[in-house]
Amino acid sequence: MVKSDNPNLDGFYVLRGYDREAGVMSSVMDLPKADAVALMEKIHGHRGTGDADASGKRSQEKYYSERKATDDWLRENSTAVMDRQNPIFFALTNAPDTIKKYMTAAGSDVLVVPLKDADLSRFSFTFDDSMGNFFARDGQSHFLNDKHPLHGTVMDAATMAKAIAQYGTDQPDGKPRTFEAQYWSETPLKGEVVRAENRAAPKVDEYGRDTVTAEKPAAAIKAASAVKP
């Protein structure tokens, strides 16, 4: 088991918001395509890509294809130890209290795992959203707020730690950057489970972003000054 001994990752956590019935280790991409698209139509109809219709619905089949291509790209470029085909997505943050509060308020249970307790050999990482990173390889800016030299790069924990030390945790406009961690194992992670405040609320993703009326996502990372150089 590979754990972090890098001071640049001290105080960082991985968090995942999830539906209690589905379970924390579930991924819609593990389903057959027809079932996955049908489920996304039901719970994330506004999230897909392409032009929205009058009801705000977007193409979930198109989103599925792009998500699959992204997962394939992550898999092909990651050095992680893998025992599952598709990754489970986590937010990487040094502000866990802020993130878990936002996620639970939005209707998700949340798993909070100190990075120091996780097997880092089973993770890959991206600066910002992984699908955004996938599109950035071709100069597209979907799902990203800025351009960064590391967009389009899949990193291991050591490389991610160096990147945080070099670039800090803020975007050029001073807003906190969102980091993503991809977990490639069937082995459940051990950590704190925080129950949702309101389970009747709409479903959200691991960043608390997937509701039409959701407030602006809470900052995933504290100010750069809080990260050790």
Protein backbone atom coordinates (compact mmCIF):
# COMPACT_ATOMS: atom_id res chain seq x y z
CA MET A 1 0.00 0.00 0.00
CA VAL A 2 1.45 3.35 -1.08
CA LYS A 3 0.68 6.24 1.28
CA SER A 4 1.59 9.90 1.04
CA ASP A 5 4.79 11.09 2.68
CA ASN A 6 4.84 14.31 0.68
CA PRO A 7 4.32 17.47 2.77
CA ASN A 8 2.66 19.17 -0.23
CA LEU A 9 -0.31 16.83 0.29
CA ASP A 10 -0.55 17.28 4.06
CA GLY A 11 -4.09 18.18 5.05
CA PHE A 12 -5.62 17.04 1.75
CA TYR A 13 -8.66 14.77 1.53
CA VAL A 14 -10.67 13.00 -1.14
CA LEU A 15 -14.46 13.40 -0.91
CA ARG A 16 -17.24 11.75 -2.84
CA GLY A 17 -20.90 12.69 -2.75
CA TYR A 18 -23.17 9.74 -3.53
CA ASP A 19 -26.71 8.42 -3.40
CA ARG A 20 -27.24 6.14 -0.40
CA GLU A 21 -29.18 3.50 -2.34
CA ALA A 22 -26.61 3.33 -5.13
CA GLY A 23 -23.64 3.23 -2.77
CA VAL A 24 -20.36 5.09 -2.71
CA MET A 25 -18.58 2.69 -5.07
CA SER A 26 -21.18 2.85 -7.83
CA SER A 27 -20.56 4.33 -11.27
CA VAL A 28 -23.19 4.81 -13.94
CA MET A 29 -20.48 3.89 -16.45
CA ASP A 30 -20.41 0.35 -15.07
CA LEU A 31 -23.90 -0.20 -16.52
CA PRO A 32 -24.67 -1.27 -20.09
CA LYS A 33 -24.96 1.79 -22.33
CA ALA A 34 -28.77 1.74 -22.64
CA ASP A 35 -29.20 1.42 -18.87
CA ALA A 36 -26.61 4.12 -18.18
CA VAL A 37 -28.24 6.59 -20.57
CA ALA A 38 -31.69 5.88 -19.12
CA LEU A 39 -30.43 6.48 -15.58
CA MET A 40 -28.70 9.72 -16.59
CA GLU A 41 -31.90 10.89 -18.27
CA LYS A 42 -33.71 10.29 -14.99
CA ILE A 43 -31.35 11.94 -12.53
CA HIS A 44 -29.09 14.23 -14.60
CA GLY A 45 -31.19 15.22 -17.60
CA HIS A 46 -29.83 18.76 -17.64
CA ARG A 47 -26.17 17.77 -17.33
CA GLY A 48 -25.38 16.31 -20.75
CA THR A 49 -23.72 18.07 -23.65
CA GLY A 50 -25.14 19.81 -26.69
CA ASP A 51 -27.98 22.32 -26.93
CA ALA A 52 -30.70 22.07 -24.29
CA ASP A 53 -34.35 21.75 -25.24
CA ALA A 54 -37.15 23.93 -23.85
CA SER A 55 -37.17 21.88 -20.64
CA GLY A 56 -33.43 22.17 -20.14
CA LYS A 57 -32.78 18.56 -21.16
CA ARG A 58 -29.52 17.76 -22.91
CA SER A 59 -28.26 14.76 -24.85
CA GLN A 60 -27.34 12.06 -22.34
CA GLU A 61 -26.28 9.68 -25.11
CA LYS A 62 -23.74 12.24 -26.31
CA TYR A 63 -22.58 12.76 -22.74
CA TYR A 64 -22.22 9.00 -22.27
CA SER A 65 -20.01 8.74 -25.35
CA GLU A 66 -17.83 11.62 -24.18
CA ARG A 67 -17.63 10.24 -20.65
CA LYS A 68 -16.60 6.83 -22.00
CA ALA A 69 -13.94 8.39 -24.21
CA THR A 70 -12.66 10.34 -21.21
CA ASP A 71 -12.54 7.25 -18.99
CA ASP A 72 -10.69 5.35 -21.74
CA TRP A 73 -8.17 8.21 -21.99
CA LEU A 74 -7.68 8.28 -18.22
CA ARG A 75 -7.15 4.52 -18.14
CA GLU A 76 -4.65 4.55 -21.00
CA ASN A 77 -2.60 7.38 -19.47
CA SER A 78 -2.70 6.47 -15.81
CA THR A 79 -0.03 4.46 -14.01
CA ALA A 80 -2.46 3.53 -11.21
CA VAL A 81 -2.93 -0.04 -10.07
CA MET A 82 -6.34 -0.95 -11.49
CA ASP A 83 -8.87 -3.64 -10.66
CA ARG A 84 -11.92 -1.88 -12.10
CA GLN A 85 -12.65 -0.76 -15.66
CA ASN A 86 -14.04 2.69 -14.88
CA PRO A 87 -12.86 5.06 -12.16
CA ILE A 88 -14.81 6.37 -9.19
CA PHE A 89 -14.51 10.16 -9.03
CA PHE A 90 -13.56 12.16 -5.96
CA ALA A 91 -12.91 15.81 -5.20
CA LEU A 92 -9.38 16.45 -3.93
CA THR A 93 -9.43 19.23 -1.36
CA ASN A 94 -7.75 20.71 1.71
CA ALA A 95 -11.08 22.24 2.78
CA PRO A 96 -13.14 19.13 3.58
CA ASP A 97 -15.59 20.79 5.97
CA THR A 98 -16.68 23.28 3.33
CA ILE A 99 -17.18 20.63 0.66
CA LYS A 100 -18.98 18.06 2.80
CA LYS A 101 -21.36 20.71 4.10
CA TYR A 102 -22.25 21.74 0.56
CA MET A 103 -22.70 18.15 -0.61
CA THR A 104 -24.90 17.07 2.29
CA ALA A 105 -27.06 20.17 1.94
CA ALA A 106 -27.54 19.26 -1.72
CA GLY A 107 -28.84 15.78 -0.82
CA SER A 108 -25.79 13.54 -1.03
CA ASP A 109 -24.19 11.35 1.57
CA VAL A 110 -20.45 12.05 1.60
CA LEU A 111 -17.40 9.88 2.13
CA VAL A 112 -14.44 11.85 3.51
CA VAL A 113 -11.02 10.15 3.39
CA PRO A 114 -7.72 11.69 4.54
CA LEU A 115 -5.29 11.34 1.66
CA LYS A 116 -2.64 10.11 4.10
CA ASP A 117 -4.83 7.04 4.79
CA ALA A 118 -5.49 6.15 1.15
CA ASP A 119 -3.55 3.81 -1.12
CA LEU A 120 -2.25 6.38 -3.59
CA SER A 121 -1.06 3.74 -6.03
CA ARG A 122 -4.73 3.23 -6.96
CA PHE A 123 -5.41 6.89 -7.81
CA SER A 124 -4.85 9.17 -10.75
CA PHE A 125 -5.33 12.95 -10.64
CA THR A 126 -6.17 15.86 -12.93
CA PHE A 127 -6.00 19.62 -12.57
CA ASP A 128 -9.74 20.37 -12.72
CA ASP A 129 -12.48 18.19 -14.23
CA SER A 130 -11.23 15.09 -16.05
CA MET A 131 -13.62 15.47 -18.97
CA GLY A 132 -12.51 19.06 -19.31
CA ASN A 133 -8.92 17.81 -19.40
CA PHE A 134 -9.84 15.34 -22.13
CA PHE A 135 -11.31 18.09 -24.30
CA ALA A 136 -8.38 20.42 -23.54
CA ARG A 137 -6.06 18.15 -25.53
CA ASP A 138 -7.78 19.47 -28.65
CA GLY A 139 -7.88 23.07 -27.44
CA GLN A 140 -11.50 22.93 -26.29
CA SER A 141 -12.52 24.52 -23.00
CA HIS A 142 -15.62 22.54 -22.00
CA PHE A 143 -16.02 22.24 -18.20
CA LEU A 144 -12.91 24.39 -17.53
CA ASN A 145 -12.70 27.98 -16.33
CA ASP A 146 -9.20 28.73 -17.62
CA LYS A 147 -6.24 27.34 -19.54
CA HIS A 148 -3.46 25.62 -17.63
CA PRO A 149 -0.21 23.91 -18.71
CA LEU A 150 -1.32 20.72 -16.95
CA HIS A 151 -4.70 20.48 -18.62
CA GLY A 152 -4.67 17.33 -20.73
CA THR A 153 -2.36 15.55 -18.27
CA VAL A 154 -3.11 12.52 -16.09
CA MET A 155 -0.91 12.51 -12.98
CA ASP A 156 0.05 10.17 -10.17
CA ALA A 157 0.16 11.39 -6.57
CA ALA A 158 3.83 12.40 -6.65
CA THR A 159 3.36 14.46 -9.81
CA MET A 160 0.20 16.02 -8.39
CA ALA A 161 2.06 17.04 -5.23
CA LYS A 162 4.78 18.72 -7.30
CA ALA A 163 2.13 20.48 -9.40
CA ILE A 164 0.43 21.87 -6.30
CA ALA A 165 3.77 23.08 -5.00
CA GLN A 166 4.62 24.73 -8.32
CA TYR A 167 1.27 26.20 -9.34
CA GLY A 168 -0.58 26.60 -6.04
CA THR A 169 -4.30 26.09 -5.70
CA ASP A 170 -5.83 29.19 -7.31
CA GLN A 171 -6.93 30.06 -10.81
CA PRO A 172 -5.58 33.26 -12.44
CA ASP A 173 -8.61 35.20 -11.19
CA GLY A 174 -7.85 34.18 -7.60
CA LYS A 175 -10.71 31.72 -7.29
CA PRO A 176 -9.92 28.27 -5.86
CA ARG A 177 -9.13 25.59 -8.41
CA THR A 178 -10.97 22.25 -8.30
CA PHE A 179 -8.81 19.14 -8.38
CA GLU A 180 -10.15 15.70 -9.28
CA ALA A 181 -9.02 12.28 -8.09
CA GLN A 182 -9.91 9.08 -9.93
CA TYR A 183 -10.00 5.85 -7.88
CA TRP A 184 -9.38 2.63 -9.82
CA SER A 185 -10.10 -0.04 -7.22
CA GLU A 186 -13.06 -2.11 -6.08
CA THR A 187 -11.71 -1.99 -2.52
CA PRO A 188 -13.92 0.38 -0.47
CA LEU A 189 -12.13 3.37 1.00
CA LYS A 190 -12.31 3.83 4.75
CA GLY A 191 -13.22 7.23 6.09
CA GLU A 192 -15.89 9.39 7.67
CA VAL A 193 -19.41 9.03 6.24
CA VAL A 194 -21.51 12.17 6.58
CA ARG A 195 -25.25 11.74 6.00
CA ALA A 196 -27.24 14.05 3.76
CA GLU A 197 -29.20 16.84 5.41
CA ASN A 198 -32.11 16.44 2.99
CA ARG A 199 -32.35 13.23 1.00
CA ALA A 200 -35.32 14.58 -0.96
CA ALA A 201 -33.05 17.14 -2.63
CA PRO A 202 -31.94 16.60 -6.26
CA LYS A 203 -28.96 14.32 -6.88
CA VAL A 204 -25.53 15.90 -7.22
CA ASP A 205 -22.13 14.75 -8.42
CA GLU A 206 -18.94 14.50 -6.41
CA TYR A 207 -18.53 18.27 -6.55
CA GLY A 208 -22.14 19.12 -5.72
CA ARG A 209 -22.71 20.55 -9.21
CA ASP A 210 -25.48 18.55 -10.81
CA THR A 211 -28.71 20.39 -10.03
CA VAL A 212 -30.28 22.98 -12.27
CA THR A 213 -30.95 25.37 -9.39
CA ALA A 214 -27.81 24.62 -7.41
CA GLU A 215 -25.90 27.51 -5.95
CA LYS A 216 -22.39 28.19 -7.16
CA PRO A 217 -20.16 25.28 -6.03
CA ALA A 218 -18.34 25.77 -2.80
CA ALA A 219 -14.60 26.33 -3.08
CA ALA A 220 -12.85 22.97 -3.22
CA ILE A 221 -9.42 24.21 -2.19
CA LYS A 222 -8.27 26.68 0.43
CA ALA A 223 -6.13 29.65 -0.55
CA ALA A 224 -2.69 28.85 -1.97
CA SER A 225 -1.05 30.25 1.15
CA ALA A 226 -2.49 27.34 3.11
CA VAL A 227 -0.52 24.83 1.04
CA LYS A 228 3.01 24.09 2.15
CA PRO A 229 5.68 24.98 -0.43
